[in-house]
Amino acid sequence: MVRTIAALATAGVLAVLATPALAIPVPVTVVDTFTAPNLTTPCPTTPTGDGTRLCSNRTSTTFAHSFVDELAGFGFGIGDILSAVSATISLRFWDNNGLDEAFVIRFDGPAVASFNVNNVANGGAATISTRNKTFAAGELAALLDGALNGTVTRSSDALVFMDSTVTVDLTVNQVVQAIPAPAGMGLLGAGLVAAGLMTRRRARSPSDRHPIRGAKRP
C-alpha cells in the first residue's frame, strides 16, 4: 500500500514537472531619449541654447539610441524580440536667428531612409522646433538589434540640435509555465489523498479500540 501511494505521488509530481513551458508573444513599448552634449565652439555665439551647435565650422553631429535597459526593465533581453510593430523618432532643435535652416537626418546602414528638414524656427524668437519620422514597414527590421544610430548634418545657416526620442512598439517572447495536464494533476491528487488516508489510519487513538480485547469498537 505504501509503495502504491509513493508511486502515485511520484508519478503525479513527475507529470507536473514535465509540463512544457509555453512561449507567448506579448506587446512592449520602449522609449529612449538621446540628449545632445552642450558643444558650442567653434561656432559663433548664435544660435544659443542647450545642445550641440551646428554651423559652418561644425556641420554634423551624431545621435545614438539603445533599448537594452528599457527592455531589461520589463524583464526581457534583445534575444526576446520577435518583431517591431511600429516606430517613430522625434528630434528637437533650437534656433533664435530667424534665418532659413536646412539639414538632413541620416541613419546608420541603408535600411532606414534619411529625411530632409527645412525652415526651423524662423522669425527671430528663440523657438524649439520638432521634426518627426515614422518608420515604414520595411525599415522596422533595422530596430531588431535594439539600437538606432544616426547623424544630423547641416546644409545651410546655423541651429542647435537638442535631443532625439525614439518610441518603438515591439512584440517579445514571454516564456510561461503551462498548466499541467489533467491526468498529471489527477495522479498527484490521488497520491496525496491516499497518503492522507494512511496518515489518518496510523494516527488513530488507542481509545478507538475495545478496552478488554483490544479489538475495534463495533
Foldseek 3Di string as FASTA:
>chain_A
DVVVLVVLQVLLVVLQVPQDKDKDKDKDKFKWKWFAQADDPPHDPPPDDGAHKDDPVHFKDKTKFFRQVVQVVVVDGLVFFDFWDWKKKKWKWWHQQQDKWKKKKFKPDPQWDIDIDIRDDHDRHTDMDMDMDITDPSNRVVCSNGMIMIMIGTDDDMIGTTMMMMMIMTIGIDIGGDDRDPVSNVSNVVSVVVVVVVVVVVPDDQVQADPPPSHGDD
